[in-house]
N, C-alpha and C. Protein backbone atom coordinates (compact mmCIF):
# COMPACT_ATOMS: atom_id res chain seq x y z
N MET A 1 0.86 -1.24 -0.08
CA MET A 1 0.20 -0.10 -0.07
C MET A 1 1.05 1.17 0.10
N GLN A 2 0.29 2.25 -0.70
CA GLN A 2 1.10 3.39 -0.90
C GLN A 2 0.32 4.68 -0.63
N HIS A 3 0.25 5.65 0.23
CA HIS A 3 -0.39 6.82 0.21
C HIS A 3 0.37 8.26 0.48
N THR A 4 -0.22 8.49 -0.16
CA THR A 4 0.33 10.55 0.03
C THR A 4 -0.76 11.21 0.51
N ALA A 5 -0.88 12.56 0.32
CA ALA A 5 -2.03 13.32 1.29
C ALA A 5 -3.22 13.33 0.61
N ASP A 6 -3.03 13.22 -1.35
CA ASP A 6 -3.79 13.34 -2.29
C ASP A 6 -4.19 12.16 -3.20
N GLN A 7 -3.36 10.90 -2.59
CA GLN A 7 -3.95 9.65 -3.13
C GLN A 7 -3.15 8.54 -2.83
N ALA A 8 -3.93 7.38 -2.63
CA ALA A 8 -3.65 5.81 -2.35
C ALA A 8 -3.47 5.10 -3.00
N SER A 9 -2.98 3.57 -3.09
CA SER A 9 -2.92 2.92 -4.09
C SER A 9 -2.73 1.89 -2.90
N VAL A 10 -3.46 0.45 -3.92
CA VAL A 10 -3.23 -0.47 -3.21
C VAL A 10 -2.54 -2.00 -4.41
N THR A 11 -1.57 -2.95 -4.45
CA THR A 11 -1.12 -3.41 -5.41
C THR A 11 -0.83 -5.29 -5.30
N GLY A 12 -1.54 -6.14 -5.57
CA GLY A 12 -1.44 -7.45 -5.24
C GLY A 12 -1.06 -8.01 -6.58
N ILE A 13 -0.39 -8.77 -6.27
CA ILE A 13 0.69 -9.67 -7.24
C ILE A 13 -0.26 -11.23 -7.14
N LEU A 14 -0.60 -12.25 -8.25
CA LEU A 14 -0.95 -13.14 -8.73
C LEU A 14 -0.16 -14.33 -9.46
N ASN A 15 0.29 -15.27 -9.19
CA ASN A 15 0.76 -15.98 -9.68
C ASN A 15 -0.05 -17.03 -10.00
N ALA A 16 -0.96 -16.49 -11.24
CA ALA A 16 -1.92 -17.33 -11.46
C ALA A 16 -1.75 -18.92 -12.04
N GLY A 17 -0.79 -19.32 -12.28
CA GLY A 17 -0.42 -20.41 -13.26
C GLY A 17 -1.07 -20.18 -14.45
N ASP A 18 -2.08 -21.85 -15.10
CA ASP A 18 -2.84 -21.97 -15.83
C ASP A 18 -4.23 -21.72 -15.80
N PHE A 19 -4.26 -20.83 -14.42
CA PHE A 19 -5.67 -21.15 -14.06
C PHE A 19 -6.61 -22.37 -13.99
N GLY A 20 -5.65 -23.59 -13.69
CA GLY A 20 -5.90 -24.79 -13.53
C GLY A 20 -6.46 -25.19 -14.47
N GLY A 21 -5.79 -25.14 -15.57
CA GLY A 21 -6.23 -25.53 -17.19
C GLY A 21 -6.84 -24.68 -17.43
N HIS A 22 -7.23 -24.16 -17.47
CA HIS A 22 -8.42 -23.36 -18.03
C HIS A 22 -7.60 -21.82 -19.32
N TRP A 23 -6.36 -21.90 -19.02
CA TRP A 23 -5.80 -21.06 -19.82
C TRP A 23 -4.48 -21.48 -20.52
N PRO A 24 -4.11 -21.35 -21.84
CA PRO A 24 -3.26 -22.31 -22.71
C PRO A 24 -1.31 -21.75 -22.18
N SER A 25 -1.10 -21.31 -21.10
CA SER A 25 0.43 -20.48 -20.68
C SER A 25 0.14 -20.32 -18.95
N SER A 26 1.22 -19.92 -18.65
CA SER A 26 1.15 -19.25 -16.93
C SER A 26 1.03 -17.93 -17.21
N THR A 27 0.62 -17.51 -16.10
CA THR A 27 0.76 -16.10 -16.37
C THR A 27 0.72 -15.64 -14.73
N ASN A 28 1.19 -14.40 -14.76
CA ASN A 28 1.54 -13.56 -13.79
C ASN A 28 0.45 -12.60 -13.80
N LEU A 29 0.09 -11.81 -12.29
CA LEU A 29 -0.75 -11.13 -12.91
C LEU A 29 -0.34 -9.66 -11.84
N LYS A 30 -0.21 -8.75 -12.23
CA LYS A 30 -0.09 -7.71 -11.03
C LYS A 30 -1.41 -6.82 -11.08
N VAL A 31 -2.18 -6.07 -10.02
CA VAL A 31 -3.24 -5.64 -10.03
C VAL A 31 -3.21 -4.60 -9.42
N THR A 32 -3.54 -3.32 -9.64
CA THR A 32 -3.25 -1.70 -8.53
C THR A 32 -4.34 -1.01 -8.61
N ALA A 33 -5.19 -0.75 -7.66
CA ALA A 33 -6.32 -0.13 -7.31
C ALA A 33 -5.73 1.34 -7.10
N THR A 34 -6.11 2.27 -7.48
CA THR A 34 -5.21 3.92 -6.80
C THR A 34 -6.29 4.69 -6.79
N LEU A 35 -6.82 5.55 -5.61
CA LEU A 35 -7.76 6.45 -5.66
C LEU A 35 -7.43 8.06 -5.57
N LYS A 36 -7.62 8.67 -6.15
CA LYS A 36 -7.00 10.04 -6.21
C LYS A 36 -7.89 10.92 -6.78
N GLY A 37 -8.39 11.75 -5.66
CA GLY A 37 -8.92 12.94 -5.92
C GLY A 37 -10.54 12.42 -5.72
N SER A 38 -11.44 12.45 -6.63
CA SER A 38 -12.65 11.82 -6.75
C SER A 38 -12.82 11.08 -8.20
N THR A 39 -11.45 10.35 -8.53
CA THR A 39 -11.32 9.33 -9.63
C THR A 39 -10.54 8.16 -8.68
N PHE A 40 -10.94 6.97 -10.02
CA PHE A 40 -10.90 5.69 -9.24
C PHE A 40 -9.92 5.18 -10.49
N GLY A 41 -8.62 4.83 -10.44
CA GLY A 41 -8.31 3.72 -11.44
C GLY A 41 -7.49 2.62 -10.97
N PHE A 42 -7.87 1.16 -12.26
CA PHE A 42 -7.78 0.02 -11.81
C PHE A 42 -7.03 -0.47 -13.17
N THR A 43 -5.43 -0.58 -12.57
CA THR A 43 -4.37 -1.28 -13.54
C THR A 43 -4.13 -2.87 -13.28
N VAL A 44 -4.11 -3.28 -14.36
CA VAL A 44 -3.75 -4.67 -14.41
C VAL A 44 -2.99 -5.06 -15.90
N THR A 45 -2.00 -6.03 -15.29
CA THR A 45 -0.71 -6.03 -15.95
C THR A 45 -0.56 -7.67 -16.07
N ALA A 46 -1.13 -8.28 -16.97
CA ALA A 46 -0.25 -9.80 -17.24
C ALA A 46 0.99 -10.24 -18.12
N THR A 47 1.19 -10.79 -17.49
CA THR A 47 3.18 -11.21 -18.07
C THR A 47 3.17 -13.01 -18.15
N ASN A 48 2.79 -13.17 -19.45
CA ASN A 48 3.05 -14.72 -19.86
C ASN A 48 4.44 -15.13 -19.05
N THR A 49 4.21 -16.20 -17.90
CA THR A 49 5.60 -16.88 -17.82
C THR A 49 5.40 -17.88 -18.10
N GLY A 50 4.88 -18.75 -18.97
CA GLY A 50 4.77 -19.92 -19.33
C GLY A 50 5.50 -20.36 -20.80
N LYS A 51 5.83 -21.50 -21.65
CA LYS A 51 5.93 -21.66 -23.01
C LYS A 51 5.25 -21.50 -24.06
N GLU A 52 3.88 -21.46 -23.78
CA GLU A 52 2.78 -21.25 -25.18
C GLU A 52 2.79 -19.91 -24.55
N ASP A 53 2.04 -19.38 -25.99
CA ASP A 53 1.22 -18.68 -26.72
C ASP A 53 0.45 -18.44 -25.27
N LEU A 54 0.22 -16.63 -24.98
CA LEU A 54 -1.11 -16.54 -24.37
C LEU A 54 -2.43 -15.26 -24.45
N PRO A 55 -2.67 -15.31 -25.97
CA PRO A 55 -3.66 -14.55 -25.86
C PRO A 55 -4.62 -14.23 -24.63
N MET A 56 -4.90 -12.56 -24.62
CA MET A 56 -5.83 -12.66 -23.55
C MET A 56 -6.51 -11.40 -23.68
N GLY A 57 -7.35 -10.62 -23.26
CA GLY A 57 -7.94 -9.65 -23.15
C GLY A 57 -8.96 -9.10 -21.68
N ILE A 58 -8.08 -8.03 -21.05
CA ILE A 58 -8.58 -8.15 -19.30
C ILE A 58 -9.51 -7.00 -19.00
N GLY A 59 -10.57 -6.88 -18.52
CA GLY A 59 -11.90 -6.26 -18.63
C GLY A 59 -11.79 -6.36 -17.16
N TRP A 60 -13.12 -5.65 -17.07
CA TRP A 60 -13.18 -5.04 -15.65
C TRP A 60 -14.96 -5.90 -15.60
N HIS A 61 -14.90 -6.21 -14.30
CA HIS A 61 -16.48 -6.93 -14.39
C HIS A 61 -17.16 -6.83 -12.87
N PRO A 62 -17.80 -5.06 -13.09
CA PRO A 62 -18.28 -4.77 -12.22
C PRO A 62 -19.97 -5.09 -11.74
N TYR A 63 -20.21 -5.39 -10.63
CA TYR A 63 -21.45 -5.58 -10.24
C TYR A 63 -22.17 -4.27 -9.40
N PHE A 64 -23.43 -3.73 -9.76
CA PHE A 64 -23.71 -2.71 -9.62
C PHE A 64 -25.19 -3.02 -8.29
N ASN A 65 -25.31 -1.89 -7.35
CA ASN A 65 -26.44 -2.30 -6.36
C ASN A 65 -27.29 -0.83 -6.49
N PHE A 66 -28.45 -0.60 -6.78
CA PHE A 66 -28.66 0.78 -7.25
C PHE A 66 -29.37 0.96 -6.45
N PRO A 67 -28.75 2.41 -5.88
CA PRO A 67 -29.43 2.96 -4.42
C PRO A 67 -31.07 3.19 -4.55
N SER A 68 -31.59 3.27 -5.85
CA SER A 68 -33.12 3.18 -5.86
C SER A 68 -33.69 1.77 -5.63
N GLY A 69 -32.97 1.11 -6.09
CA GLY A 69 -33.31 -0.29 -6.06
C GLY A 69 -34.63 -0.45 -7.26
N GLN A 70 -34.11 0.18 -8.56
CA GLN A 70 -35.03 -0.17 -9.66
C GLN A 70 -34.32 0.21 -10.88
N ARG A 71 -33.65 -1.05 -10.82
CA ARG A 71 -32.80 -1.68 -11.80
C ARG A 71 -33.11 -1.43 -13.48
N GLU A 72 -34.22 -0.99 -13.97
CA GLU A 72 -35.01 -1.01 -15.04
C GLU A 72 -34.84 0.29 -15.42
N GLN A 73 -34.96 1.52 -14.86
CA GLN A 73 -34.75 2.57 -14.89
C GLN A 73 -33.33 3.18 -15.02
N ALA A 74 -32.00 2.39 -14.55
CA ALA A 74 -31.08 3.06 -14.48
C ALA A 74 -30.72 2.89 -16.12
N ARG A 75 -29.38 3.85 -16.21
CA ARG A 75 -29.29 3.72 -17.45
C ARG A 75 -27.48 3.82 -17.67
N LEU A 76 -27.10 3.00 -18.39
CA LEU A 76 -25.63 2.29 -18.92
C LEU A 76 -25.50 3.62 -20.28
N LYS A 77 -23.62 4.17 -20.21
CA LYS A 77 -24.00 5.04 -21.79
C LYS A 77 -22.39 4.39 -21.62
N ILE A 78 -22.26 3.20 -22.89
CA ILE A 78 -21.02 2.90 -23.24
C ILE A 78 -20.61 3.19 -24.89
N ARG A 79 -19.77 3.66 -25.06
CA ARG A 79 -19.16 4.59 -26.21
C ARG A 79 -18.71 3.08 -26.95
N ARG A 80 -19.14 2.06 -27.55
CA ARG A 80 -18.37 0.88 -28.35
C ARG A 80 -18.99 0.40 -29.41
N SER A 81 -18.61 -0.39 -30.24
CA SER A 81 -19.41 -0.68 -31.49
C SER A 81 -19.37 -2.03 -31.70
N GLN A 82 -18.95 -3.17 -30.88
CA GLN A 82 -18.81 -4.28 -30.65
C GLN A 82 -18.84 -5.10 -29.17
N ARG A 83 -20.08 -6.23 -29.43
CA ARG A 83 -20.08 -6.95 -27.77
C ARG A 83 -19.56 -8.45 -28.33
N ARG A 84 -19.10 -9.32 -27.37
CA ARG A 84 -19.07 -10.58 -28.04
C ARG A 84 -19.76 -11.38 -27.47
N ARG A 85 -20.28 -12.22 -28.30
CA ARG A 85 -21.37 -12.78 -27.60
C ARG A 85 -21.34 -13.94 -27.05
N SER A 86 -22.05 -14.53 -25.92
CA SER A 86 -21.95 -15.18 -24.96
C SER A 86 -23.13 -16.33 -24.90
N ILE A 87 -22.78 -17.64 -24.42
CA ILE A 87 -23.65 -18.46 -24.52
C ILE A 87 -24.04 -18.59 -23.37
N ILE A 88 -25.23 -18.22 -22.65
CA ILE A 88 -26.33 -18.40 -21.28
C ILE A 88 -26.90 -19.51 -20.61
N SER A 89 -26.33 -20.25 -19.90
CA SER A 89 -26.43 -21.67 -19.13
C SER A 89 -26.47 -21.06 -17.55
N THR A 90 -26.13 -22.39 -17.02
CA THR A 90 -26.02 -21.86 -15.85
C THR A 90 -24.52 -21.18 -15.55
N ILE A 91 -23.72 -20.70 -16.27
CA ILE A 91 -23.02 -20.20 -16.23
C ILE A 91 -22.71 -19.49 -17.87
N VAL A 92 -21.92 -18.08 -17.76
CA VAL A 92 -21.93 -17.30 -19.08
C VAL A 92 -20.68 -18.04 -19.69
N PHE A 93 -20.61 -18.35 -21.19
CA PHE A 93 -19.16 -18.84 -21.26
C PHE A 93 -19.37 -17.79 -22.82
N PRO A 94 -17.91 -17.30 -23.00
CA PRO A 94 -18.39 -16.53 -24.03
C PRO A 94 -18.28 -17.46 -25.42
N THR A 95 -18.39 -16.71 -26.59
CA THR A 95 -18.15 -18.07 -27.93
C THR A 95 -16.97 -16.94 -28.88
N GLY A 96 -16.73 -16.08 -28.58
CA GLY A 96 -15.30 -15.19 -30.01
C GLY A 96 -15.90 -14.57 -30.56
N LYS A 97 -17.55 -15.02 -30.89
CA LYS A 97 -17.59 -13.94 -32.27
C LYS A 97 -18.49 -12.53 -31.83
N LEU A 98 -17.68 -11.67 -32.27
CA LEU A 98 -18.04 -10.42 -32.08
C LEU A 98 -18.95 -10.28 -32.49
N ILE A 99 -20.10 -9.40 -32.28
CA ILE A 99 -21.50 -8.69 -32.83
C ILE A 99 -21.76 -7.28 -32.57
N ALA A 100 -21.85 -6.37 -33.70
CA ALA A 100 -22.16 -4.85 -34.17
C ALA A 100 -23.44 -4.88 -32.69
N VAL A 101 -22.82 -3.58 -32.27
CA VAL A 101 -24.02 -3.71 -31.07
C VAL A 101 -25.51 -2.52 -31.90
N SER A 102 -25.05 -2.12 -32.60
CA SER A 102 -25.76 -0.21 -33.03
C SER A 102 -27.09 -0.92 -33.60
N GLY A 103 -28.14 -0.27 -33.04
CA GLY A 103 -30.06 -0.88 -33.19
C GLY A 103 -29.66 -1.57 -32.38
N THR A 104 -29.37 -2.20 -31.35
CA THR A 104 -29.94 -3.70 -30.98
C THR A 104 -29.57 -3.21 -29.26
N PRO A 105 -30.71 -3.94 -28.57
CA PRO A 105 -30.57 -3.56 -27.15
C PRO A 105 -29.35 -3.38 -26.37
N TYR A 106 -28.36 -3.58 -27.15
CA TYR A 106 -26.94 -3.64 -26.23
C TYR A 106 -26.38 -2.17 -26.69
N ASP A 107 -26.84 -1.61 -27.42
CA ASP A 107 -26.61 -0.20 -28.28
C ASP A 107 -26.77 0.69 -26.95
N PHE A 108 -25.58 1.05 -26.10
CA PHE A 108 -25.95 2.42 -25.09
C PHE A 108 -25.38 3.23 -25.07
N SER A 109 -24.83 3.53 -26.87
CA SER A 109 -24.22 4.69 -27.16
C SER A 109 -24.52 6.19 -27.07
N GLY A 110 -25.63 6.13 -27.08
CA GLY A 110 -26.50 7.64 -27.13
C GLY A 110 -26.24 8.68 -26.15
N ARG A 111 -26.41 9.38 -26.27
CA ARG A 111 -26.05 10.44 -25.41
C ARG A 111 -26.54 10.44 -24.14
N ALA A 112 -27.51 10.14 -23.79
CA ALA A 112 -28.00 9.73 -22.61
C ALA A 112 -27.83 8.41 -22.29
N GLY A 113 -27.70 7.57 -23.04
CA GLY A 113 -27.12 6.25 -22.78
C GLY A 113 -28.09 5.91 -23.32
N GLY A 114 -28.72 4.33 -22.43
CA GLY A 114 -29.94 3.61 -22.09
C GLY A 114 -30.84 2.63 -21.13
N ALA A 115 -31.39 2.61 -21.06
CA ALA A 115 -32.18 2.33 -20.12
C ALA A 115 -32.06 0.58 -19.87
N LEU A 116 -31.43 -0.05 -18.78
CA LEU A 116 -31.23 -0.93 -18.55
C LEU A 116 -32.10 -2.33 -18.88
N GLU A 117 -32.98 -1.46 -17.81
CA GLU A 117 -34.76 -2.67 -18.37
C GLU A 117 -34.58 -3.83 -17.72
N LYS A 118 -35.03 -4.93 -18.61
CA LYS A 118 -34.54 -5.87 -18.32
C LYS A 118 -33.99 -6.60 -18.83
N LEU A 119 -32.97 -6.13 -19.42
CA LEU A 119 -31.84 -7.09 -19.55
C LEU A 119 -30.64 -7.58 -19.20
N PHE A 120 -30.39 -8.66 -19.43
CA PHE A 120 -29.56 -9.56 -18.47
C PHE A 120 -27.82 -9.10 -19.49
N LEU A 121 -27.21 -8.59 -18.47
CA LEU A 121 -25.86 -8.17 -18.99
C LEU A 121 -24.60 -8.94 -18.53
N ASP A 122 -24.31 -9.67 -19.22
CA ASP A 122 -22.63 -10.35 -18.65
C ASP A 122 -21.96 -10.44 -20.17
N ASP A 123 -21.67 -9.09 -20.48
CA ASP A 123 -21.15 -9.22 -21.91
C ASP A 123 -19.84 -8.45 -22.04
N CYS A 124 -18.62 -8.33 -23.18
CA CYS A 124 -17.73 -7.89 -23.22
C CYS A 124 -17.56 -7.16 -24.30
N PHE A 125 -17.88 -6.02 -24.30
CA PHE A 125 -17.98 -5.04 -25.33
C PHE A 125 -16.40 -4.35 -25.83
N MET A 126 -16.38 -4.51 -27.02
CA MET A 126 -15.13 -4.17 -27.53
C MET A 126 -15.15 -2.72 -28.47
N GLU A 127 -14.06 -2.57 -28.58
CA GLU A 127 -13.77 -1.45 -30.05
C GLU A 127 -14.71 -0.53 -29.06
N LEU A 128 -14.15 -0.18 -27.73
CA LEU A 128 -14.22 1.40 -27.34
C LEU A 128 -13.99 1.98 -27.38
N LYS A 129 -14.80 3.61 -27.83
CA LYS A 129 -14.21 5.01 -28.24
C LYS A 129 -13.90 5.33 -27.28
N LYS A 130 -12.49 6.15 -28.11
CA LYS A 130 -11.58 6.79 -26.96
C LYS A 130 -11.85 8.24 -26.74
N ASN A 131 -11.50 8.59 -25.93
CA ASN A 131 -11.81 10.32 -25.67
C ASN A 131 -10.26 11.11 -26.37
N ALA A 132 -10.43 11.97 -26.38
CA ALA A 132 -8.93 12.44 -27.29
C ALA A 132 -7.73 12.75 -26.73
N ASP A 133 -7.96 11.86 -25.29
CA ASP A 133 -6.24 12.00 -24.29
C ASP A 133 -6.16 10.67 -24.51
N GLY A 134 -6.70 9.75 -25.20
CA GLY A 134 -6.86 8.19 -25.15
C GLY A 134 -7.87 7.34 -23.85
N SER A 135 -7.89 8.17 -23.34
CA SER A 135 -9.00 7.67 -22.04
C SER A 135 -10.02 7.44 -22.77
N VAL A 136 -11.28 6.09 -21.89
CA VAL A 136 -12.46 5.90 -22.14
C VAL A 136 -13.66 6.15 -21.14
N THR A 137 -14.64 6.75 -21.30
CA THR A 137 -15.39 7.03 -20.25
C THR A 137 -16.88 6.07 -20.33
N THR A 138 -17.16 5.25 -19.71
CA THR A 138 -18.37 4.54 -18.86
C THR A 138 -19.02 5.01 -18.07
N GLU A 139 -20.46 5.40 -18.62
CA GLU A 139 -21.20 5.88 -17.20
C GLU A 139 -22.19 5.10 -16.69
N VAL A 140 -23.16 5.19 -15.02
CA VAL A 140 -23.70 3.73 -14.86
C VAL A 140 -24.52 4.90 -13.84
N VAL A 141 -25.99 5.33 -14.38
CA VAL A 141 -26.60 6.29 -14.02
C VAL A 141 -27.75 6.15 -13.33
N ASP A 142 -28.35 5.92 -11.95
CA ASP A 142 -29.61 5.64 -11.03
C ASP A 142 -30.15 6.71 -11.02
N PRO A 143 -31.27 6.85 -12.12
CA PRO A 143 -31.76 9.01 -12.08
C PRO A 143 -33.02 8.83 -10.84
N ALA A 144 -33.64 7.71 -10.37
CA ALA A 144 -34.28 7.86 -9.60
C ALA A 144 -33.15 7.91 -8.07
N ALA A 145 -32.43 8.06 -7.92
CA ALA A 145 -31.23 8.02 -6.84
C ALA A 145 -30.95 9.15 -6.81
N LYS A 146 -30.69 9.45 -8.35
CA LYS A 146 -29.72 10.82 -8.29
C LYS A 146 -28.27 10.80 -7.59
N TYR A 147 -27.82 9.43 -8.63
CA TYR A 147 -26.53 8.88 -8.02
C TYR A 147 -26.04 8.13 -9.49
N GLY A 148 -24.54 8.63 -9.97
CA GLY A 148 -23.92 7.60 -11.07
C GLY A 148 -22.51 7.29 -10.68
N LEU A 149 -22.30 6.61 -11.11
CA LEU A 149 -21.01 6.46 -11.42
C LEU A 149 -20.15 6.94 -12.68
N ARG A 150 -18.93 7.57 -12.84
CA ARG A 150 -18.42 7.60 -14.47
C ARG A 150 -16.96 6.49 -14.41
């Protein structure tokens, strides 16, 4: 853990191996979470420590408890053009197939985003649209509670 008057961070290292045979090679993960002012940063560095190629994508899988308790009216804004298709059974299993989101219930790119309604979301959104500084901004808002995250 490191901290200064205006910033705090914590780092964890995981020697993940091949995740119990689920990944094609051995991996070490370094995860750092940083709080600074009103921002939260999350950095993940993966290092292939094995002999096999290790294609990978890293993302964040947040779960939200909406203060109003009214999930259907909560709004999500993600500027992206594709999502990875998943098979939904007792677990969500990605197929690797990319699907365009424009004009579908998964299109949350409008100025105000889109209401979650009853849509089940356990998706990986791809080709995120970057801001001028190279960052990506995503928002989830609970209008009934006048609360949101960016």
